[in-house]
Structures are given as C-alpha cells and as structure tokens.
PDB file of N, CA and C in Angstrom:
ATOM      1  N   UNK A   1     -57.781 -39.257 -45.567  1.00  0.00           N
ATOM      2  CA  UNK A   1     -58.860 -38.213 -45.790  1.00  0.00           C
ATOM      3  C   UNK A   1     -59.484 -38.485 -47.250  1.00  0.00           C
ATOM      4  N   UNK A   2     -60.735 -38.518 -47.176  1.00  0.00           N
ATOM      5  CA  UNK A   2     -61.466 -38.444 -48.443  1.00  0.00           C
ATOM      6  C   UNK A   2     -61.543 -37.269 -49.178  1.00  0.00           C
ATOM      7  N   UNK A   3     -61.062 -37.423 -50.520  1.00  0.00           N
ATOM      8  CA  UNK A   3     -61.172 -36.225 -51.420  1.00  0.00           C
ATOM      9  C   UNK A   3     -62.647 -35.959 -51.695  1.00  0.00           C
ATOM     10  N   UNK A   4     -63.287 -34.764 -51.468  1.00  0.00           N
ATOM     11  CA  UNK A   4     -64.586 -34.466 -51.622  1.00  0.00           C
ATOM     12  C   UNK A   4     -65.024 -34.535 -53.105  1.00  0.00           C
ATOM     13  N   UNK A   5     -64.028 -34.097 -53.977  1.00  0.00           N
ATOM     14  CA  UNK A   5     -64.390 -34.224 -55.375  1.00  0.00           C
ATOM     15  C   UNK A   5     -64.488 -35.643 -55.809  1.00  0.00           C
ATOM     16  N   UNK A   6     -63.613 -36.416 -55.456  1.00  0.00           N
ATOM     17  CA  UNK A   6     -63.653 -37.786 -55.816  1.00  0.00           C
ATOM     18  C   UNK A   6     -64.862 -38.599 -55.403  1.00  0.00           C
ATOM     19  N   UNK A   7     -65.301 -38.128 -54.116  1.00  0.00           N
ATOM     20  CA  UNK A   7     -66.527 -38.692 -53.517  1.00  0.00           C
ATOM     21  C   UNK A   7     -67.693 -38.252 -54.275  1.00  0.00           C
ATOM     22  N   UNK A   8     -67.749 -36.940 -54.766  1.00  0.00           N
ATOM     23  CA  UNK A   8     -68.885 -36.494 -55.545  1.00  0.00           C
ATOM     24  C   UNK A   8     -68.911 -37.266 -56.778  1.00  0.00           C
ATOM     25  N   UNK A   9     -67.854 -37.457 -57.487  1.00  0.00           N
ATOM     26  CA  UNK A   9     -67.875 -38.160 -58.729  1.00  0.00           C
ATOM     27  C   UNK A   9     -68.403 -39.548 -58.513  1.00  0.00           C
ATOM     28  N   UNK A  10     -67.843 -40.098 -57.490  1.00  0.00           N
ATOM     29  CA  UNK A  10     -68.337 -41.578 -57.224  1.00  0.00           C
ATOM     30  C   UNK A  10     -69.748 -41.620 -56.886  1.00  0.00           C
ATOM     31  N   UNK A  11     -70.352 -40.610 -56.232  1.00  0.00           N
ATOM     32  CA  UNK A  11     -71.779 -40.559 -55.864  1.00  0.00           C
ATOM     33  C   UNK A  11     -72.490 -40.466 -57.224  1.00  0.00           C
ATOM     34  N   UNK A  12     -72.100 -39.407 -58.070  1.00  0.00           N
ATOM     35  CA  UNK A  12     -72.751 -39.375 -59.382  1.00  0.00           C
ATOM     36  C   UNK A  12     -72.791 -40.525 -60.197  1.00  0.00           C
ATOM     37  N   UNK A  13     -71.658 -41.218 -60.273  1.00  0.00           N
ATOM     38  CA  UNK A  13     -71.575 -42.397 -61.110  1.00  0.00           C
ATOM     39  C   UNK A  13     -72.397 -43.537 -60.551  1.00  0.00           C
ATOM     40  N   UNK A  14     -72.513 -43.555 -59.262  1.00  0.00           N
ATOM     41  CA  UNK A  14     -73.371 -44.652 -58.597  1.00  0.00           C
ATOM     42  C   UNK A  14     -74.754 -44.380 -58.862  1.00  0.00           C
ATOM     43  N   UNK A  15     -75.266 -43.074 -58.890  1.00  0.00           N
ATOM     44  CA  UNK A  15     -76.681 -42.711 -59.096  1.00  0.00           C
ATOM     45  C   UNK A  15     -76.864 -42.823 -60.643  1.00  0.00           C
ATOM     46  N   UNK A  16     -76.022 -42.610 -61.476  1.00  0.00           N
ATOM     47  CA  UNK A  16     -76.133 -42.758 -62.822  1.00  0.00           C
ATOM     48  C   UNK A  16     -76.380 -44.178 -63.226  1.00  0.00           C
ATOM     49  N   UNK A  17     -75.539 -45.004 -62.577  1.00  0.00           N
ATOM     50  CA  UNK A  17     -75.622 -46.564 -62.891  1.00  0.00           C
ATOM     51  C   UNK A  17     -76.992 -47.015 -62.414  1.00  0.00           C
ATOM     52  N   UNK A  18     -77.488 -46.513 -61.264  1.00  0.00           N
ATOM     53  CA  UNK A  18     -78.854 -46.952 -60.723  1.00  0.00           C
ATOM     54  C   UNK A  18     -79.876 -46.504 -61.621  1.00  0.00           C
ATOM     55  N   UNK A  19     -79.846 -45.231 -62.217  1.00  0.00           N
ATOM     56  CA  UNK A  19     -80.830 -44.719 -63.104  1.00  0.00           C
ATOM     57  C   UNK A  19     -80.931 -45.515 -64.392  1.00  0.00           C
ATOM     58  N   UNK A  20     -79.543 -45.857 -64.938  1.00  0.00           N
ATOM     59  CA  UNK A  20     -79.435 -46.467 -66.041  1.00  0.00           C
ATOM     60  C   UNK A  20     -80.064 -47.848 -66.006  1.00  0.00           C
ATOM     61  N   UNK A  21     -79.837 -48.420 -64.905  1.00  0.00           N
ATOM     62  CA  UNK A  21     -80.282 -49.847 -64.653  1.00  0.00           C
ATOM     63  C   UNK A  21     -81.792 -50.005 -64.291  1.00  0.00           C
ATOM     64  N   UNK A  22     -82.407 -48.723 -64.068  1.00  0.00           N
ATOM     65  CA  UNK A  22     -83.865 -48.680 -63.695  1.00  0.00           C
ATOM     66  C   UNK A  22     -84.123 -48.976 -62.311  1.00  0.00           C
ATOM     67  N   UNK A  23     -83.100 -48.881 -61.437  1.00  0.00           N
ATOM     68  CA  UNK A  23     -83.381 -49.308 -59.954  1.00  0.00           C
ATOM     69  C   UNK A  23     -83.308 -48.048 -59.117  1.00  0.00           C
ATOM     70  N   UNK A  24     -83.101 -46.891 -59.693  1.00  0.00           N
ATOM     71  CA  UNK A  24     -82.938 -45.729 -58.673  1.00  0.00           C
ATOM     72  C   UNK A  24     -83.932 -44.801 -58.964  1.00  0.00           C
ATOM     73  N   UNK A  25     -84.056 -43.726 -58.106  1.00  0.00           N
ATOM     74  CA  UNK A  25     -84.944 -42.667 -58.056  1.00  0.00           C
ATOM     75  C   UNK A  25     -84.457 -41.522 -58.657  1.00  0.00           C
ATOM     76  N   UNK A  26     -85.009 -40.849 -59.552  1.00  0.00           N
ATOM     77  CA  UNK A  26     -84.538 -39.592 -60.098  1.00  0.00           C
ATOM     78  C   UNK A  26     -84.561 -38.475 -58.996  1.00  0.00           C
ATOM     79  N   UNK A  27     -83.584 -37.688 -58.983  1.00  0.00           N
ATOM     80  CA  UNK A  27     -83.543 -36.596 -58.054  1.00  0.00           C
ATOM     81  C   UNK A  27     -84.494 -35.550 -58.460  1.00  0.00           C
ATOM     82  N   UNK A  28     -84.979 -34.756 -57.476  1.00  0.00           N
ATOM     83  CA  UNK A  28     -85.917 -33.656 -57.810  1.00  0.00           C
ATOM     84  C   UNK A  28     -85.183 -32.412 -58.416  1.00  0.00           C
ATOM     85  N   UNK A  29     -85.982 -31.587 -59.057  1.00  0.00           N
ATOM     86  CA  UNK A  29     -85.524 -30.438 -59.770  1.00  0.00           C
ATOM     87  C   UNK A  29     -84.762 -29.610 -58.643  1.00  0.00           C
ATOM     88  N   UNK A  30     -85.420 -29.409 -57.564  1.00  0.00           N
ATOM     89  CA  UNK A  30     -84.763 -28.481 -56.506  1.00  0.00           C
ATOM     90  C   UNK A  30     -83.297 -28.981 -56.085  1.00  0.00           C
ATOM     91  N   UNK A  31     -83.190 -30.444 -55.958  1.00  0.00           N
ATOM     92  CA  UNK A  31     -82.138 -30.963 -55.482  1.00  0.00           C
ATOM     93  C   UNK A  31     -81.005 -30.815 -56.613  1.00  0.00           C
ATOM     94  N   UNK A  32     -81.441 -31.001 -57.866  1.00  0.00           N
ATOM     95  CA  UNK A  32     -80.416 -30.883 -59.021  1.00  0.00           C
ATOM     96  C   UNK A  32     -80.013 -29.477 -59.133  1.00  0.00           C
ATOM     97  N   UNK A  33     -80.852 -28.539 -58.856  1.00  0.00           N
ATOM     98  CA  UNK A  33     -80.360 -27.131 -58.962  1.00  0.00           C
ATOM     99  C   UNK A  33     -79.471 -26.764 -57.951  1.00  0.00           C
ATOM    100  N   UNK A  34     -79.648 -27.309 -56.648  1.00  0.00           N
ATOM    101  CA  UNK A  34     -78.795 -27.024 -55.461  1.00  0.00           C
ATOM    102  C   UNK A  34     -77.494 -27.661 -55.737  1.00  0.00           C
ATOM    103  N   UNK A  35     -77.523 -28.758 -56.284  1.00  0.00           N
ATOM    104  CA  UNK A  35     -76.286 -29.540 -56.397  1.00  0.00           C
ATOM    105  C   UNK A  35     -75.413 -28.790 -57.482  1.00  0.00           C
ATOM    106  N   UNK A  36     -76.115 -28.306 -58.548  1.00  0.00           N
ATOM    107  CA  UNK A  36     -75.353 -27.631 -59.626  1.00  0.00           C
ATOM    108  C   UNK A  36     -74.898 -26.374 -59.146  1.00  0.00           C
ATOM    109  N   UNK A  37     -75.582 -25.630 -58.259  1.00  0.00           N
ATOM    110  CA  UNK A  37     -75.095 -24.390 -57.672  1.00  0.00           C
ATOM    111  C   UNK A  37     -73.873 -24.566 -57.039  1.00  0.00           C
ATOM    112  N   UNK A  38     -73.785 -25.570 -56.020  1.00  0.00           N
ATOM    113  CA  UNK A  38     -72.489 -25.998 -55.455  1.00  0.00           C
ATOM    114  C   UNK A  38     -71.424 -26.253 -56.353  1.00  0.00           C
ATOM    115  N   UNK A  39     -71.687 -27.073 -57.312  1.00  0.00           N
ATOM    116  CA  UNK A  39     -70.580 -27.423 -58.232  1.00  0.00           C
ATOM    117  C   UNK A  39     -70.051 -26.130 -58.947  1.00  0.00           C
ATOM    118  N   UNK A  40     -71.016 -25.233 -59.403  1.00  0.00           N
ATOM    119  CA  UNK A  40     -70.492 -23.999 -60.070  1.00  0.00           C
ATOM    120  C   UNK A  40     -69.807 -23.075 -59.212  1.00  0.00           C
ATOM    121  N   UNK A  41     -70.101 -23.044 -57.926  1.00  0.00           N
ATOM    122  CA  UNK A  41     -69.368 -22.281 -56.927  1.00  0.00           C
ATOM    123  C   UNK A  41     -68.050 -22.850 -56.777  1.00  0.00           C
ATOM    124  N   UNK A  42     -67.783 -24.092 -56.715  1.00  0.00           N
ATOM    125  CA  UNK A  42     -66.565 -24.784 -56.604  1.00  0.00           C
ATOM    126  C   UNK A  42     -65.775 -24.494 -57.846  1.00  0.00           C
ATOM    127  N   UNK A  43     -66.400 -24.598 -59.000  1.00  0.00           N
ATOM    128  CA  UNK A  43     -65.765 -24.300 -60.258  1.00  0.00           C
ATOM    129  C   UNK A  43     -65.226 -22.900 -60.294  1.00  0.00           C
ATOM    130  N   UNK A  44     -65.972 -22.011 -59.771  1.00  0.00           N
ATOM    131  CA  UNK A  44     -65.519 -20.593 -59.850  1.00  0.00           C
ATOM    132  C   UNK A  44     -64.373 -20.356 -58.826  1.00  0.00           C
ATOM    133  N   UNK A  45     -64.283 -21.132 -57.773  1.00  0.00           N
ATOM    134  CA  UNK A  45     -63.197 -20.984 -56.933  1.00  0.00           C
ATOM    135  C   UNK A  45     -61.876 -21.605 -57.597  1.00  0.00           C
ATOM    136  N   UNK A  46     -61.990 -22.512 -58.502  1.00  0.00           N
ATOM    137  CA  UNK A  46     -60.924 -23.200 -59.127  1.00  0.00           C
ATOM    138  C   UNK A  46     -60.529 -22.263 -60.494  1.00  0.00           C
ATOM    139  N   UNK A  47     -61.410 -21.625 -60.865  1.00  0.00           N
ATOM    140  CA  UNK A  47     -61.168 -20.852 -62.250  1.00  0.00           C
ATOM    141  C   UNK A  47     -59.830 -20.183 -62.263  1.00  0.00           C
ATOM    142  N   UNK A  48     -59.224 -20.232 -63.235  1.00  0.00           N
ATOM    143  CA  UNK A  48     -57.822 -19.509 -63.515  1.00  0.00           C
ATOM    144  C   UNK A  48     -58.004 -18.078 -63.921  1.00  0.00           C
ATOM    145  N   UNK A  49     -58.996 -17.901 -64.815  1.00  0.00           N
ATOM    146  CA  UNK A  49     -59.106 -16.583 -65.527  1.00  0.00           C
ATOM    147  C   UNK A  49     -60.328 -15.892 -64.747  1.00  0.00           C
ATOM    148  N   UNK A  50     -60.312 -14.575 -64.791  1.00  0.00           N
ATOM    149  CA  UNK A  50     -61.534 -13.795 -64.233  1.00  0.00           C
ATOM    150  C   UNK A  50     -62.822 -13.973 -65.057  1.00  0.00           C
ATOM    151  N   UNK A  51     -62.605 -14.192 -66.346  1.00  0.00           N
ATOM    152  CA  UNK A  51     -63.781 -14.450 -67.188  1.00  0.00           C
ATOM    153  C   UNK A  51     -64.379 -15.803 -66.778  1.00  0.00           C
ATOM    154  N   UNK A  52     -63.663 -16.835 -66.671  1.00  0.00           N
ATOM    155  CA  UNK A  52     -64.155 -18.161 -66.215  1.00  0.00           C
ATOM    156  C   UNK A  52     -64.776 -18.052 -64.727  1.00  0.00           C
ATOM    157  N   UNK A  53     -64.098 -17.314 -63.881  1.00  0.00           N
ATOM    158  CA  UNK A  53     -64.690 -17.148 -62.529  1.00  0.00           C
ATOM    159  C   UNK A  53     -65.962 -16.525 -62.628  1.00  0.00           C
ATOM    160  N   UNK A  54     -66.214 -15.441 -63.372  1.00  0.00           N
ATOM    161  CA  UNK A  54     -67.415 -14.748 -63.357  1.00  0.00           C
ATOM    162  C   UNK A  54     -68.509 -15.605 -64.050  1.00  0.00           C
ATOM    163  N   UNK A  55     -68.190 -16.311 -65.121  1.00  0.00           N
ATOM    164  CA  UNK A  55     -69.209 -17.139 -65.774  1.00  0.00           C
ATOM    165  C   UNK A  55     -69.653 -18.329 -64.725  1.00  0.00           C
ATOM    166  N   UNK A  56     -68.733 -18.936 -64.065  1.00  0.00           N
ATOM    167  CA  UNK A  56     -69.142 -19.966 -63.138  1.00  0.00           C
ATOM    168  C   UNK A  56     -69.998 -19.313 -61.974  1.00  0.00           C
ATOM    169  N   UNK A  57     -69.604 -18.182 -61.439  1.00  0.00           N
ATOM    170  CA  UNK A  57     -70.339 -17.541 -60.471  1.00  0.00           C
ATOM    171  C   UNK A  57     -71.752 -17.260 -61.067  1.00  0.00           C
ATOM    172  N   UNK A  58     -71.912 -16.661 -62.126  1.00  0.00           N
ATOM    173  CA  UNK A  58     -73.136 -16.445 -62.729  1.00  0.00           C
ATOM    174  C   UNK A  58     -74.042 -17.690 -62.740  1.00  0.00           C
ATOM    175  N   UNK A  59     -73.394 -18.663 -63.245  1.00  0.00           N
ATOM    176  CA  UNK A  59     -74.162 -19.989 -63.282  1.00  0.00           C
ATOM    177  C   UNK A  59     -74.520 -20.479 -61.940  1.00  0.00           C
ATOM    178  N   UNK A  60     -73.660 -20.332 -61.038  1.00  0.00           N
ATOM    179  CA  UNK A  60     -74.007 -20.758 -59.682  1.00  0.00           C
ATOM    180  C   UNK A  60     -75.177 -19.934 -59.074  1.00  0.00           C
ATOM    181  N   UNK A  61     -75.243 -18.534 -59.358  1.00  0.00           N
ATOM    182  CA  UNK A  61     -76.328 -17.810 -58.914  1.00  0.00           C
ATOM    183  C   UNK A  61     -77.672 -18.160 -59.601  1.00  0.00           C
ATOM    184  N   UNK A  62     -77.512 -18.412 -60.986  1.00  0.00           N
ATOM    185  CA  UNK A  62     -78.784 -18.895 -61.667  1.00  0.00           C
ATOM    186  C   UNK A  62     -79.291 -20.180 -61.213  1.00  0.00           C
ATOM    187  N   UNK A  63     -78.491 -21.088 -60.922  1.00  0.00           N
ATOM    188  CA  UNK A  63     -78.902 -22.382 -60.299  1.00  0.00           C
ATOM    189  C   UNK A  63     -79.543 -22.295 -58.969  1.00  0.00           C
ATOM    190  N   UNK A  64     -78.899 -21.366 -58.146  1.00  0.00           N
ATOM    191  CA  UNK A  64     -79.356 -21.195 -56.756  1.00  0.00           C
ATOM    192  C   UNK A  64     -80.859 -20.562 -56.730  1.00  0.00           C
ATOM    193  N   UNK A  65     -80.958 -19.606 -57.709  1.00  0.00           N
ATOM    194  CA  UNK A  65     -82.278 -18.946 -57.929  1.00  0.00           C
ATOM    195  C   UNK A  65     -83.257 -20.058 -58.304  1.00  0.00           C
ATOM    196  N   UNK A  66     -82.969 -20.912 -59.292  1.00  0.00           N
ATOM    197  CA  UNK A  66     -83.916 -21.969 -59.680  1.00  0.00           C
ATOM    198  C   UNK A  66     -84.236 -23.028 -58.538  1.00  0.00           C
ATOM    199  N   UNK A  67     -83.200 -23.326 -57.744  1.00  0.00           N
ATOM    200  CA  UNK A  67     -83.443 -24.122 -56.540  1.00  0.00           C
ATOM    201  C   UNK A  67     -84.442 -23.411 -55.720  1.00  0.00           C
ATOM    202  N   UNK A  68     -84.283 -22.232 -55.431  1.00  0.00           N
ATOM    203  CA  UNK A  68     -85.131 -21.403 -54.427  1.00  0.00           C
ATOM    204  C   UNK A  68     -86.513 -21.407 -55.010  1.00  0.00           C
ATOM    205  N   UNK A  69     -86.668 -21.236 -56.174  1.00  0.00           N
ATOM    206  CA  UNK A  69     -88.051 -21.154 -56.883  1.00  0.00           C
ATOM    207  C   UNK A  69     -88.709 -22.543 -56.759  1.00  0.00           C
ATOM    208  N   UNK A  70     -87.979 -23.606 -57.088  1.00  0.00           N
ATOM    209  CA  UNK A  70     -88.507 -24.889 -56.963  1.00  0.00           C
ATOM    210  C   UNK A  70     -88.967 -25.148 -55.529  1.00  0.00           C
ATOM    211  N   UNK A  71     -88.160 -24.720 -54.551  1.00  0.00           N
ATOM    212  CA  UNK A  71     -88.344 -25.064 -53.095  1.00  0.00           C
ATOM    213  C   UNK A  71     -89.771 -24.179 -52.729  1.00  0.00           C
ATOM    214  N   UNK A  72     -89.744 -22.893 -53.222  1.00  0.00           N
ATOM    215  CA  UNK A  72     -90.883 -22.019 -52.892  1.00  0.00           C
ATOM    216  C   UNK A  72     -92.182 -22.643 -53.448  1.00  0.00           C
ATOM    217  N   UNK A  73     -92.059 -23.181 -54.577  1.00  0.00           N
ATOM    218  CA  UNK A  73     -93.395 -23.768 -55.321  1.00  0.00           C
ATOM    219  C   UNK A  73     -93.673 -25.024 -54.465  1.00  0.00           C
ATOM    220  N   UNK A  74     -92.836 -25.846 -54.193  1.00  0.00           N
ATOM    221  CA  UNK A  74     -93.089 -26.956 -53.521  1.00  0.00           C
ATOM    222  C   UNK A  74     -93.684 -26.731 -52.127  1.00  0.00           C
ATOM    223  N   UNK A  75     -93.156 -25.720 -51.424  1.00  0.00           N
ATOM    224  CA  UNK A  75     -93.504 -25.321 -50.084  1.00  0.00           C
ATOM    225  C   UNK A  75     -95.025 -24.847 -50.232  1.00  0.00           C
ATOM    226  N   UNK A  76     -95.423 -24.063 -51.211  1.00  0.00           N
ATOM    227  CA  UNK A  76     -96.701 -23.515 -51.404  1.00  0.00           C
ATOM    228  C   UNK A  76     -97.738 -24.605 -51.824  1.00  0.00           C
ATOM    229  N   UNK A  77     -97.288 -25.664 -52.436  1.00  0.00           N
ATOM    230  CA  UNK A  77     -98.266 -26.710 -52.776  1.00  0.00           C
ATOM    231  C   UNK A  77     -98.140 -27.965 -52.113  1.00  0.00           C
ATOM    232  N   UNK A  78     -97.349 -27.847 -50.909  1.00  0.00           N
ATOM    233  CA  UNK A  78     -97.289 -29.109 -50.253  1.00  0.00           C
ATOM    234  C   UNK A  78     -98.596 -29.763 -49.601  1.00  0.00           C
ATOM    235  N   UNK A  79     -99.515 -28.894 -49.421  1.00  0.00           N
ATOM    236  CA  UNK A  79    -100.765 -29.359 -48.816  1.00  0.00           C
ATOM    237  C   UNK A  79    -101.804 -29.917 -49.917  1.00  0.00           C
ATOM    238  N   UNK A  80    -101.344 -29.960 -51.150  1.00  0.00           N
ATOM    239  CA  UNK A  80    -102.009 -30.549 -52.112  1.00  0.00           C
ATOM    240  C   UNK A  80    -103.037 -29.627 -52.892  1.00  0.00           C
ATOM    241  N   UNK A  81    -103.880 -29.982 -53.807  1.00  0.00           N
ATOM    242  CA  UNK A  81    -104.839 -29.097 -54.503  1.00  0.00           C
ATOM    243  C   UNK A  81    -105.801 -28.169 -53.642  1.00  0.00           C
ATOM    244  N   UNK A  82    -106.033 -28.709 -52.484  1.00  0.00           N
ATOM    245  CA  UNK A  82    -107.059 -28.091 -51.561  1.00  0.00           C
ATOM    246  C   UNK A  82    -106.394 -26.730 -51.143  1.00  0.00           C
ATOM    247  N   UNK A  83    -104.939 -26.676 -50.959  1.00  0.00           N
ATOM    248  CA  UNK A  83    -104.264 -25.456 -50.585  1.00  0.00           C
ATOM    249  C   UNK A  83    -104.355 -24.462 -51.705  1.00  0.00           C
ATOM    250  N   UNK A  84    -104.300 -24.732 -52.855  1.00  0.00           N
ATOM    251  CA  UNK A  84    -104.382 -23.888 -54.055  1.00  0.00           C
ATOM    252  C   UNK A  84    -105.660 -23.199 -54.176  1.00  0.00           C
ATOM    253  N   UNK A  85    -106.767 -23.937 -53.870  1.00  0.00           N
ATOM    254  CA  UNK A  85    -108.110 -23.391 -54.082  1.00  0.00           C
ATOM    255  C   UNK A  85    -108.481 -22.561 -52.882  1.00  0.00           C
ATOM    256  N   UNK A  86    -107.871 -22.596 -51.926  1.00  0.00           N
ATOM    257  CA  UNK A  86    -108.224 -21.736 -50.612  1.00  0.00           C
ATOM    258  C   UNK A  86    -107.983 -20.321 -50.738  1.00  0.00           C
TER     259      UNK A  86
END
C-alpha cells in the first residue's frame, strides 16, 4: 500500500524539480490554496497539543477561504473582459 504522505512529498519534489529546471508549469493560486488547506487539515489531525491543533485548523480554514475566493473570481471572469463590462 502506498503511504499518502510519502506520495505527496514525492509529487511535491517532482513538481519542484520541474519548476527549478524550467520545464514545468506553475500551479494556480486556487490549486495551491486548496492543497495547503488539505495539508493543514492533516497537520491538525496529527497535532499533539490543543494549541497546535487549533492553529492548524485556523490555517486550514484560511487557506480554504482563499481557495474559494480564487475559484469565485475565476468563475466570474472565465468569459473574459466582455463578461466584466456587461
């Protein structure tokens, strides 16, 4: 069975290598914020102290809000400049 944490680290390392070498595509803000929200939720579940758990949960919430905001802006402007002037 594949360890999801190890797979995530391997994927991140592969993406970083591609970006560093100039052969990859940078991830969107919405995708970054969504990924960070998931990572912080997982960190909250692993946290030992209540303080750490609360902090990671707050970060997860903040990243999720940012992802939602990015997605909403993208959806509103997906028709291009013509949609904004209408």
